[in-house]
N, C-alpha and C. Protein backbone atom coordinates (compact mmCIF):
# COMPACT_ATOMS: atom_id res chain seq x y z
N MET A 1 0.84 -1.62 0.02
CA MET A 1 -0.04 0.12 -0.09
C MET A 1 1.04 1.09 -0.06
N PRO A 2 0.80 2.34 -0.90
CA PRO A 2 1.72 3.20 -1.19
C PRO A 2 1.45 4.22 0.28
N ASP A 3 2.20 5.12 0.04
CA ASP A 3 2.39 6.02 1.49
C ASP A 3 1.61 7.23 1.08
N SER A 4 0.48 7.56 2.71
CA SER A 4 -0.51 8.57 2.51
C SER A 4 0.55 10.02 2.22
N PRO A 5 -0.66 10.69 1.36
CA PRO A 5 -0.03 12.11 1.25
C PRO A 5 0.42 12.97 3.00
N ARG A 6 -0.61 12.24 3.74
CA ARG A 6 -0.19 12.49 5.19
C ARG A 6 0.76 12.47 5.40
N ALA A 7 1.12 11.24 5.51
CA ALA A 7 2.57 10.66 6.10
C ALA A 7 3.45 11.45 5.42
N THR A 8 3.80 11.47 3.79
CA THR A 8 4.70 12.13 2.85
C THR A 8 4.87 13.94 3.20
N GLY A 9 4.25 14.46 3.75
CA GLY A 9 3.72 15.81 4.17
C GLY A 9 4.58 16.20 5.70
N ARG A 10 4.52 15.34 6.35
CA ARG A 10 5.41 15.22 7.96
C ARG A 10 6.82 15.08 7.14
N THR A 11 6.97 13.82 6.56
CA THR A 11 8.66 13.67 6.15
C THR A 11 8.93 15.07 5.61
N LEU A 12 8.49 15.86 4.40
CA LEU A 12 9.00 16.55 4.33
C LEU A 12 9.22 17.64 5.31
N ARG A 13 8.59 18.09 6.17
CA ARG A 13 8.46 19.21 6.65
C ARG A 13 9.89 18.75 8.03
N LEU A 14 10.07 17.60 7.81
CA LEU A 14 11.30 17.34 8.89
C LEU A 14 12.59 17.75 8.61
N ILE A 15 13.09 17.55 7.19
CA ILE A 15 13.91 17.83 6.44
C ILE A 15 14.66 18.96 7.00
N PRO A 16 14.12 20.09 6.56
CA PRO A 16 14.18 21.82 7.22
C PRO A 16 15.28 21.52 8.72
N ILE A 17 14.43 20.87 9.63
CA ILE A 17 14.13 21.01 10.88
C ILE A 17 16.22 20.02 11.08
N ALA A 18 15.93 18.92 10.40
CA ALA A 18 17.27 18.18 10.42
C ALA A 18 18.23 19.10 9.68
N LEU A 19 18.40 19.33 8.66
CA LEU A 19 19.37 20.70 8.56
C LEU A 19 19.68 21.28 8.99
N PHE A 20 18.91 22.27 9.68
CA PHE A 20 18.84 23.37 10.46
C PHE A 20 20.05 22.59 12.19
N LEU A 21 19.66 21.59 12.57
CA LEU A 21 20.00 20.89 13.88
C LEU A 21 21.58 20.27 13.21
N THR A 22 21.72 20.23 12.10
CA THR A 22 22.81 19.47 11.86
C THR A 22 23.83 20.63 11.59
N ALA A 23 23.69 21.99 11.11
CA ALA A 23 24.29 23.02 10.89
C ALA A 23 24.89 23.48 12.07
N VAL A 24 23.63 23.55 13.02
CA VAL A 24 24.25 24.21 14.46
C VAL A 24 24.69 23.19 15.29
N THR A 25 24.96 21.82 14.83
CA THR A 25 25.70 20.71 15.46
C THR A 25 27.15 21.11 15.48
N LEU A 26 27.45 21.58 13.62
CA LEU A 26 28.90 21.80 13.08
C LEU A 26 29.06 22.65 13.40
N ALA A 27 28.27 23.74 14.35
CA ALA A 27 28.92 24.97 14.20
C ALA A 27 29.35 25.25 15.66
N GLY A 28 28.84 24.13 16.73
CA GLY A 28 29.36 24.16 17.71
C GLY A 28 30.67 23.50 18.11
N CYS A 29 30.85 22.84 17.00
CA CYS A 29 32.24 21.63 16.76
C CYS A 29 33.27 22.54 16.45
N GLY A 30 33.32 23.89 15.73
CA GLY A 30 34.03 25.08 15.32
C GLY A 30 34.08 24.22 13.84
N ALA A 31 33.14 23.68 12.97
CA ALA A 31 33.33 23.33 11.49
C ALA A 31 33.01 24.84 11.33
N ARG A 32 33.44 24.88 10.05
CA ARG A 32 33.53 26.54 9.39
C ARG A 32 32.35 25.65 8.39
N ILE A 33 31.31 26.70 8.24
CA ILE A 33 30.08 26.14 7.52
C ILE A 33 29.60 27.56 6.50
N PRO A 34 29.96 26.84 4.91
CA PRO A 34 29.96 28.15 4.26
C PRO A 34 28.74 28.94 4.18
N ASP A 35 28.73 30.12 3.84
CA ASP A 35 28.07 30.98 3.68
C ASP A 35 26.82 30.93 2.72
N ILE A 36 26.00 30.80 2.71
CA ILE A 36 24.81 30.52 2.06
C ILE A 36 24.24 31.61 1.86
N SER A 37 24.07 31.99 0.27
CA SER A 37 23.21 33.08 0.31
C SER A 37 21.91 32.81 -1.20
N VAL A 38 20.90 33.21 -0.61
CA VAL A 38 19.97 33.33 -1.68
C VAL A 38 19.77 34.17 -2.38
N PRO A 39 19.76 34.22 -4.13
CA PRO A 39 19.95 35.38 -4.39
C PRO A 39 18.06 35.94 -4.54
N SER A 40 18.05 37.07 -4.57
CA SER A 40 17.15 38.04 -4.86
C SER A 40 15.65 37.99 -5.68
N ILE A 41 14.54 37.84 -5.83
CA ILE A 41 14.13 37.69 -7.24
C ILE A 41 13.52 38.87 -7.34
N PRO A 42 13.93 39.48 -8.80
CA PRO A 42 13.86 40.86 -9.04
C PRO A 42 12.13 41.54 -8.75
N ASP A 43 12.12 42.52 -8.50
CA ASP A 43 10.74 43.20 -8.39
C ASP A 43 10.40 43.55 -9.69
N MET A 44 9.33 42.83 -10.64
CA MET A 44 9.17 42.86 -12.20
C MET A 44 7.61 43.84 -11.77
N SER A 45 7.25 44.48 -10.57
CA SER A 45 5.65 44.91 -10.69
C SER A 45 5.99 46.44 -11.49
N SER A 46 6.88 46.96 -10.73
CA SER A 46 7.07 48.44 -11.04
C SER A 46 7.40 48.36 -12.68
N ALA A 47 8.18 47.24 -13.17
CA ALA A 47 8.38 47.53 -14.50
C ALA A 47 6.90 47.50 -15.58
N GLY A 48 6.61 46.70 -15.05
CA GLY A 48 5.24 45.96 -15.52
C GLY A 48 3.91 46.82 -15.55
N ALA A 49 4.33 47.62 -14.38
CA ALA A 49 3.03 48.66 -13.85
C ALA A 49 2.56 49.32 -14.97
N GLY A 50 3.24 50.10 -15.82
CA GLY A 50 2.88 50.57 -16.99
C GLY A 50 2.95 49.92 -18.20
N GLY A 51 2.57 48.77 -18.27
CA GLY A 51 2.78 48.14 -19.22
C GLY A 51 3.40 47.64 -20.33
N SER A 52 3.30 46.92 -21.49
CA SER A 52 4.18 46.09 -22.23
C SER A 52 3.83 46.85 -23.77
N ALA A 53 5.06 47.13 -24.21
CA ALA A 53 4.87 47.01 -26.07
C ALA A 53 6.05 45.90 -26.70
N SER A 54 5.45 44.93 -27.67
CA SER A 54 6.05 44.48 -28.41
C SER A 54 5.99 44.64 -29.65
N PHE A 55 7.50 45.38 -30.30
CA PHE A 55 7.52 45.38 -31.35
C PHE A 55 8.42 44.43 -32.55
N ASN A 56 7.72 44.50 -33.70
CA ASN A 56 8.19 43.41 -34.63
C ASN A 56 8.18 43.87 -35.94
N ILE A 57 9.55 44.32 -36.10
CA ILE A 57 9.98 45.22 -37.76
C ILE A 57 10.73 44.85 -38.38
N ASP A 58 10.30 44.25 -39.61
CA ASP A 58 11.20 43.11 -40.64
C ASP A 58 11.34 42.15 -39.94
N GLY A 59 10.62 41.28 -38.68
CA GLY A 59 10.89 39.96 -38.17
C GLY A 59 12.25 40.42 -37.15
N SER A 60 12.38 41.42 -36.91
CA SER A 60 13.42 41.82 -35.62
C SER A 60 12.29 42.17 -34.39
N THR A 61 12.47 41.54 -33.49
CA THR A 61 10.84 41.92 -32.28
C THR A 61 12.08 42.37 -31.06
N PHE A 62 11.82 42.83 -30.27
CA PHE A 62 11.84 43.49 -28.88
C PHE A 62 10.99 44.22 -27.96
N THR A 63 10.73 43.39 -26.94
CA THR A 63 9.55 44.48 -25.92
C THR A 63 10.29 45.40 -25.24
N VAL A 64 9.54 46.34 -24.70
CA VAL A 64 9.57 47.39 -23.83
C VAL A 64 8.78 47.40 -22.55
N ALA A 65 9.04 47.51 -21.20
CA ALA A 65 8.12 47.95 -20.34
C ALA A 65 8.25 48.79 -19.91
N GLN A 66 7.28 49.93 -19.91
CA GLN A 66 7.74 51.36 -19.46
C GLN A 66 6.71 51.90 -18.26
N SER A 67 7.34 52.54 -17.51
CA SER A 67 6.51 53.43 -16.72
C SER A 67 7.57 55.24 -16.53
N GLY A 68 6.91 55.75 -16.03
CA GLY A 68 7.81 57.30 -16.26
C GLY A 68 6.92 58.22 -16.70
N THR A 69 8.01 59.17 -17.10
CA THR A 69 7.29 60.62 -18.01
C THR A 69 8.35 60.19 -19.34
N ILE A 70 8.28 61.24 -20.24
CA ILE A 70 8.86 61.22 -21.53
C ILE A 70 8.42 62.76 -22.04
N GLN A 71 9.58 63.41 -22.45
CA GLN A 71 9.45 64.49 -23.52
C GLN A 71 10.17 64.59 -24.87
N THR A 72 9.50 64.22 -25.82
CA THR A 72 9.56 64.48 -26.98
C THR A 72 9.43 65.40 -28.16
N SER A 73 10.01 65.83 -28.90
CA SER A 73 9.26 66.77 -29.99
C SER A 73 10.29 66.87 -31.04
N PHE A 74 9.51 66.49 -32.29
CA PHE A 74 9.56 66.42 -33.90
C PHE A 74 9.09 67.24 -34.63
N PRO A 75 9.31 68.18 -34.82
CA PRO A 75 8.61 69.03 -35.99
C PRO A 75 8.25 69.18 -36.88
N GLY A 76 8.49 68.02 -38.07
CA GLY A 76 8.02 67.54 -38.55
C GLY A 76 7.06 66.12 -38.66
N ALA A 77 7.28 65.40 -37.32
CA ALA A 77 6.16 64.99 -36.62
C ALA A 77 5.37 64.79 -35.54
N LYS A 78 4.04 65.78 -35.87
CA LYS A 78 3.42 66.37 -34.45
C LYS A 78 2.80 65.05 -33.68
N GLN A 79 2.37 64.15 -34.46
CA GLN A 79 1.67 62.83 -34.27
C GLN A 79 2.62 61.91 -33.20
N ILE A 80 3.78 62.27 -33.17
CA ILE A 80 4.68 61.29 -32.20
C ILE A 80 5.17 62.12 -31.22
N SER A 81 5.24 63.82 -31.54
CA SER A 81 5.64 64.91 -30.31
C SER A 81 4.79 64.55 -29.34
N TYR A 82 5.28 64.32 -27.81
CA TYR A 82 4.42 64.25 -26.68
C TYR A 82 5.23 64.59 -25.46
N SER A 83 4.37 64.82 -24.59
CA SER A 83 4.88 65.27 -22.95
C SER A 83 4.07 64.62 -22.32
N GLY A 84 4.45 63.45 -21.25
CA GLY A 84 3.61 62.83 -20.38
C GLY A 84 3.94 61.43 -20.29
N PRO A 85 2.92 60.51 -19.28
CA PRO A 85 3.35 59.77 -18.86
C PRO A 85 3.82 58.52 -19.88
N LEU A 86 4.56 57.81 -19.70
CA LEU A 86 5.09 56.65 -20.56
C LEU A 86 4.27 55.24 -20.20
N GLY A 87 4.07 54.29 -21.20
CA GLY A 87 3.10 53.19 -21.06
C GLY A 87 1.76 53.12 -21.16
N CYS A 88 1.04 52.14 -20.58
CA CYS A 88 -0.51 52.79 -21.39
C CYS A 88 -0.88 53.74 -20.39
N LYS A 89 -0.67 54.37 -19.45
CA LYS A 89 -1.16 55.52 -19.01
C LYS A 89 -1.03 56.72 -19.64
N GLY A 90 -0.15 57.03 -20.44
CA GLY A 90 0.07 57.91 -22.02
C GLY A 90 -0.13 57.80 -23.17
N HIS A 91 -0.21 56.45 -23.07
CA HIS A 91 -0.50 55.80 -24.85
C HIS A 91 0.66 56.07 -25.20
N TYR A 92 1.86 55.69 -25.16
CA TYR A 92 3.36 56.37 -25.61
C TYR A 92 4.43 55.08 -24.95
N PHE A 93 4.96 54.82 -26.12
CA PHE A 93 6.03 53.96 -25.64
C PHE A 93 7.52 54.44 -26.42
N ASN A 94 8.58 54.11 -25.98
CA ASN A 94 10.16 54.55 -26.69
C ASN A 94 10.49 53.49 -26.26
N ALA A 95 11.67 52.88 -27.22
CA ALA A 95 12.16 51.73 -27.29
C ALA A 95 13.49 52.19 -28.27
N SER A 96 14.62 51.21 -27.93
CA SER A 96 15.88 51.28 -28.87
C SER A 96 15.79 50.13 -29.67
N TYR A 97 15.65 50.51 -30.78
CA TYR A 97 15.32 49.41 -32.05
C TYR A 97 16.94 49.03 -32.62
N THR A 98 17.78 49.57 -32.61
CA THR A 98 19.50 49.29 -32.68
C THR A 98 19.89 50.01 -31.77
N GLU A 99 21.14 49.83 -31.63
CA GLU A 99 21.92 50.73 -30.82
C GLU A 99 22.10 52.17 -30.93
N ASP A 100 21.87 52.79 -32.31
CA ASP A 100 21.89 54.23 -32.59
C ASP A 100 20.20 54.48 -33.22
N ILE A 101 19.31 54.02 -33.09
CA ILE A 101 17.99 53.81 -33.78
C ILE A 101 16.85 53.35 -32.22
N ASP A 102 16.33 54.68 -32.67
CA ASP A 102 15.03 54.73 -31.12
C ASP A 102 13.79 54.44 -31.84
N VAL A 103 12.55 53.93 -31.74
CA VAL A 103 11.26 53.92 -31.63
C VAL A 103 10.52 54.63 -31.09
N TYR A 104 9.78 55.40 -31.53
CA TYR A 104 8.45 56.34 -30.59
C TYR A 104 7.19 55.70 -31.16
N PHE A 105 6.06 54.97 -30.28
CA PHE A 105 4.97 54.93 -30.59
C PHE A 105 3.97 55.64 -29.67
N HIS A 106 3.35 55.66 -30.17
CA HIS A 106 1.79 56.94 -29.77
C HIS A 106 0.63 55.88 -30.29
N TYR A 107 -0.11 55.81 -29.48
CA TYR A 107 -1.22 55.39 -30.23
C TYR A 107 -2.51 56.04 -29.34
N PHE A 108 -3.57 55.61 -30.65
CA PHE A 108 -5.07 56.38 -29.57
C PHE A 108 -6.04 55.22 -29.50
N LYS A 109 -7.45 55.30 -29.38
CA LYS A 109 -8.54 54.47 -29.68
C LYS A 109 -8.24 53.95 -30.85
N LYS A 110 -8.54 55.00 -31.62
CA LYS A 110 -8.82 54.21 -33.07
C LYS A 110 -7.50 54.24 -34.23
N ASP A 111 -6.53 54.80 -33.96
CA ASP A 111 -5.24 54.50 -35.05
C ASP A 111 -4.21 55.02 -33.79
N ALA A 112 -3.05 54.92 -34.37
CA ALA A 112 -1.03 54.53 -33.90
C ALA A 112 -0.13 55.43 -35.06
N TYR A 113 0.71 55.68 -34.25
CA TYR A 113 1.82 56.24 -35.10
C TYR A 113 2.92 55.70 -34.57
N LEU A 114 4.09 55.44 -35.54
CA LEU A 114 5.29 55.22 -35.25
C LEU A 114 6.37 55.62 -35.97
N LEU A 115 7.04 56.03 -34.93
CA LEU A 115 8.95 56.74 -35.71
C LEU A 115 9.69 55.64 -35.34
N ILE A 116 10.41 55.24 -36.71
CA ILE A 116 11.73 54.85 -36.45
C ILE A 116 13.26 55.78 -36.46
N ASP A 117 13.22 56.44 -35.73
CA ASP A 117 14.44 57.56 -35.68
C ASP A 117 15.55 57.21 -36.16
N ASN A 118 15.53 57.34 -37.79
CA ASN A 118 16.58 57.26 -38.57
C ASN A 118 16.67 58.35 -39.89
N GLY A 119 16.30 59.56 -39.22
CA GLY A 119 16.41 60.40 -40.16
C GLY A 119 14.71 61.26 -39.94
N GLY A 120 13.86 60.94 -39.15
CA GLY A 120 12.63 61.49 -38.84
C GLY A 120 11.39 61.13 -40.03
N SER A 121 11.83 60.35 -40.72
CA SER A 121 10.41 60.29 -41.47
C SER A 121 10.83 58.79 -42.53
N PRO A 122 9.93 58.02 -42.30
CA PRO A 122 8.10 58.37 -42.45
C PRO A 122 8.04 58.20 -41.24
N VAL A 123 6.72 58.76 -40.81
CA VAL A 123 5.71 58.26 -39.88
C VAL A 123 4.89 57.37 -40.15
N TYR A 124 5.25 55.91 -39.94
CA TYR A 124 4.13 54.86 -40.14
C TYR A 124 2.94 55.50 -39.51
N HIS A 125 1.73 55.23 -40.08
CA HIS A 125 0.38 55.27 -39.39
C HIS A 125 -0.21 53.90 -39.68
N PHE A 126 -0.75 53.88 -38.38
CA PHE A 126 -1.90 52.16 -38.11
C PHE A 126 -3.23 52.32 -38.20
N GLY A 127 -4.14 51.84 -38.61
CA GLY A 127 -5.83 52.34 -38.67
C GLY A 127 -6.00 51.51 -37.00
N PRO A 128 -6.93 51.09 -36.87
CA PRO A 128 -7.86 50.82 -35.78
C PRO A 128 -7.04 49.61 -35.31
N PRO A 129 -6.79 49.29 -33.93
CA PRO A 129 -6.62 47.71 -33.41
C PRO A 129 -7.29 46.44 -33.73
N GLN A 130 -6.50 45.60 -33.29
CA GLN A 130 -7.36 44.44 -33.00
C GLN A 130 -6.72 44.34 -31.40
N ARG A 131 -8.53 43.69 -31.18
CA ARG A 131 -8.00 43.15 -29.64
C ARG A 131 -8.42 42.05 -29.17
N GLN A 132 -6.88 41.50 -28.82
CA GLN A 132 -6.92 39.87 -27.88
C GLN A 132 -6.62 40.14 -26.55
N GLY A 133 -8.06 39.79 -25.92
CA GLY A 133 -8.15 40.39 -24.59
C GLY A 133 -7.74 41.60 -23.90
N HIS A 134 -6.62 41.57 -23.43
CA HIS A 134 -6.09 42.95 -22.88
C HIS A 134 -4.93 43.54 -23.77
N VAL A 135 -4.92 42.92 -24.87
CA VAL A 135 -3.43 43.59 -26.07
C VAL A 135 -4.02 43.88 -27.13
N LEU A 136 -3.55 45.27 -27.62
CA LEU A 136 -4.25 45.58 -28.70
C LEU A 136 -3.06 45.20 -29.83
N VAL A 137 -3.27 45.21 -30.81
CA VAL A 137 -2.54 44.66 -31.97
C VAL A 137 -2.62 45.43 -33.23
N PHE A 138 -1.79 46.16 -33.50
CA PHE A 138 -1.91 47.29 -34.68
C PHE A 138 -0.77 46.82 -35.94
N SER A 139 -1.13 46.57 -36.83
CA SER A 139 -0.40 46.01 -38.05
C SER A 139 -0.67 46.82 -39.45
N ASN A 140 0.09 46.50 -40.31
CA ASN A 140 -0.19 46.73 -41.29
C ASN A 140 -0.46 47.84 -41.63
N PRO A 141 1.11 49.31 -41.23
CA PRO A 141 1.00 50.69 -41.45
C PRO A 141 0.87 51.23 -42.84
N THR A 142 0.75 52.14 -42.99
CA THR A 142 1.15 53.07 -43.83
C THR A 142 2.53 54.07 -44.24
N PRO A 143 3.02 54.36 -44.75
CA PRO A 143 3.37 53.62 -46.21
C PRO A 143 3.87 52.29 -45.41
N SER A 144 3.24 51.55 -46.46
CA SER A 144 3.87 49.87 -46.57
C SER A 144 4.92 49.43 -47.01
N ASP A 145 6.30 49.75 -46.88
CA ASP A 145 7.45 49.86 -47.27
C ASP A 145 8.15 48.55 -46.42
N ARG A 146 7.66 48.73 -44.97
CA ARG A 146 8.36 47.76 -44.24
C ARG A 146 6.41 46.70 -43.58
N LYS A 147 7.33 45.59 -43.32
CA LYS A 147 6.52 44.53 -42.23
C LYS A 147 6.38 44.96 -40.92
N ILE A 148 5.53 45.41 -40.16
CA ILE A 148 5.57 46.15 -38.56
C ILE A 148 4.11 45.77 -38.07
N THR A 149 4.51 45.03 -36.55
CA THR A 149 3.40 44.81 -35.71
C THR A 149 3.75 45.03 -34.79
N VAL A 150 2.86 45.94 -33.82
CA VAL A 150 3.20 46.36 -32.21
C VAL A 150 2.24 45.92 -31.44
N GLU A 151 2.57 45.15 -30.62
CA GLU A 151 1.27 45.09 -29.79
C GLU A 151 1.50 45.56 -28.36
N VAL A 152 0.55 45.85 -28.06
CA VAL A 152 0.15 46.65 -26.41
C VAL A 152 -0.60 45.84 -25.29
N ASN A 153 0.24 45.48 -24.58
CA ASN A 153 -0.51 45.11 -23.14
C ASN A 153 -0.25 45.56 -22.05
N CYS A 154 -1.49 46.19 -22.13
CA CYS A 154 -2.04 46.65 -20.83
C CYS A 154 -2.61 46.20 -19.72
N PRO A 155 -2.46 46.26 -18.46
CA PRO A 155 -3.22 45.39 -17.47
C PRO A 155 -4.25 45.72 -17.22
N ALA A 156 -5.40 44.98 -16.73
CA ALA A 156 -6.43 45.50 -16.95
C ALA A 156 -6.78 46.32 -15.76
N PRO A 157 -7.66 47.38 -15.58
CA PRO A 157 -7.83 48.30 -14.25
C PRO A 157 -8.14 47.68 -13.23
N ARG A 158 -7.66 48.20 -12.10
CA ARG A 158 -8.07 47.38 -10.98
C ARG A 158 -9.09 47.95 -10.33
N LEU A 159 -10.11 46.77 -9.64
CA LEU A 159 -11.06 47.58 -9.38
C LEU A 159 -10.99 47.96 -7.96
N ALA A 160 -11.67 49.20 -7.60
CA ALA A 160 -11.61 49.68 -6.07
C ALA A 160 -11.66 48.74 -5.14
N ARG A 161 -11.37 48.81 -3.97
CA ARG A 161 -11.44 47.98 -2.78
C ARG A 161 -13.38 47.50 -2.43
N GLY A 162 -13.65 46.70 -2.51
CA GLY A 162 -15.09 46.65 -2.06
C GLY A 162 -16.07 46.55 -3.78
N ARG A 163 -15.87 46.73 -4.64
CA ARG A 163 -16.06 46.60 -5.74
C ARG A 163 -16.19 44.88 -6.89
N SER A 164 -17.19 44.91 -7.07
CA SER A 164 -17.37 43.44 -7.70
C SER A 164 -17.10 43.70 -9.36
N ALA A 165 -16.41 42.76 -9.82
CA ALA A 165 -16.45 42.72 -11.56
C ALA A 165 -17.58 42.20 -12.40
N ARG A 166 -18.85 41.94 -10.96
CA ARG A 166 -19.97 41.47 -11.63
C ARG A 166 -20.81 42.96 -12.53
N PRO A 167 -21.82 43.17 -13.17
CA PRO A 167 -22.73 44.46 -12.99
C PRO A 167 -23.38 44.43 -11.56
N HIS A 168 -24.00 45.93 -11.83
CA HIS A 168 -24.89 45.83 -10.77
C HIS A 168 -26.19 45.44 -10.87
N TRP A 169 -26.86 44.81 -9.71
CA TRP A 169 -28.50 44.76 -10.54
C TRP A 169 -29.13 46.03 -10.80
N ARG A 170 -28.56 46.81 -10.68
CA ARG A 170 -29.39 47.97 -10.95
C ARG A 170 -29.20 47.97 -12.98
N THR A 171 -28.10 47.73 -13.42
CA THR A 171 -28.02 47.88 -14.77
C THR A 171 -28.38 46.55 -15.05
N LEU A 172 -28.74 45.42 -14.71
CA LEU A 172 -29.43 44.51 -15.30
C LEU A 172 -30.98 44.79 -15.38
N THR A 173 -31.26 45.63 -14.58
CA THR A 173 -33.02 45.71 -14.52
C THR A 173 -33.28 47.49 -15.26
N GLY A 174 -32.37 48.27 -15.33
CA GLY A 174 -31.91 49.46 -16.16
C GLY A 174 -32.86 48.89 -17.47
N ALA A 175 -32.84 50.58 -18.12
CA ALA A 175 -33.36 50.51 -19.56
C ALA A 175 -32.81 49.69 -20.18
N ALA A 176 -31.80 49.65 -20.07
CA ALA A 176 -31.13 48.44 -21.11
C ALA A 176 -31.64 46.97 -21.23
N TYR A 177 -32.08 46.43 -20.18
CA TYR A 177 -33.05 44.91 -20.31
C TYR A 177 -34.11 45.79 -19.67
N LYS A 178 -35.35 44.90 -20.79
CA LYS A 178 -36.71 45.09 -20.71
C LYS A 178 -37.20 43.74 -20.69
N PHE A 179 -37.88 43.97 -19.54
CA PHE A 179 -38.67 42.26 -19.11
C PHE A 179 -39.83 41.99 -20.37
N PRO A 180 -39.77 40.87 -20.34
CA PRO A 180 -40.55 40.61 -21.84
C PRO A 180 -42.45 41.27 -22.07
N LEU A 181 -42.72 41.21 -20.76
CA LEU A 181 -44.58 42.16 -20.87
C LEU A 181 -44.21 43.64 -21.00
N GLN A 182 -42.56 44.28 -20.87
CA GLN A 182 -42.73 45.53 -20.93
C GLN A 182 -42.87 45.50 -21.92
N ALA A 183 -41.50 44.76 -22.84
CA ALA A 183 -41.44 45.27 -24.40
C ALA A 183 -42.54 44.82 -25.03
N LYS A 184 -43.75 44.15 -24.63
CA LYS A 184 -44.54 44.14 -25.58
C LYS A 184 -45.54 44.82 -25.46
N GLY A 185 -44.89 46.32 -24.39
CA GLY A 185 -46.25 47.20 -24.04
C GLY A 185 -47.05 47.01 -22.99
N LYS A 186 -47.31 45.88 -22.21
CA LYS A 186 -48.12 45.45 -21.36
C LYS A 186 -47.26 45.34 -20.07
N GLY A 187 -48.00 44.97 -18.54
CA GLY A 187 -47.48 45.22 -17.65
C GLY A 187 -47.67 46.22 -17.17
N ASN A 188 -46.35 46.51 -15.91
CA ASN A 188 -46.72 48.32 -14.98
C ASN A 188 -46.68 49.15 -15.67
């Protein structure tokens, strides 16, 4: 008969205690115990708080996660000139395409603009994005001399404490929802 999960769990809980007691015993005997350092896990919450954008330009793909602010000015490209928050909050991303070339991406509800800063032009214009969950996908820009896709991944807005993700009961019974009898003009 195989061991029960409860017995296995008890055995596993004893392993750290046994290791600790062994280390204390060795330390008491004068043996040198090597220093053990556990690497810290980097906190990615601040980098991802502003969302991320993945750029695929002619098969070269790179991703940037941003928050903070930026101030840019391109006299010949007013759609890309911007001053304000980076990332999803400002609908603006800036990244390095190569060591010497940056990209600037500004998106709106119905379109977006991308500048590959290697001379100031052209500014690529994208039509409305396709939505895939929280990801907005912009592709097929004009001019169409390059194959470019930009995916903007913005976190879902957080609900205020005590709020539910379900619609409020008034929403379900309000003007948008008609009871069958009311829809036919009968009833209250």
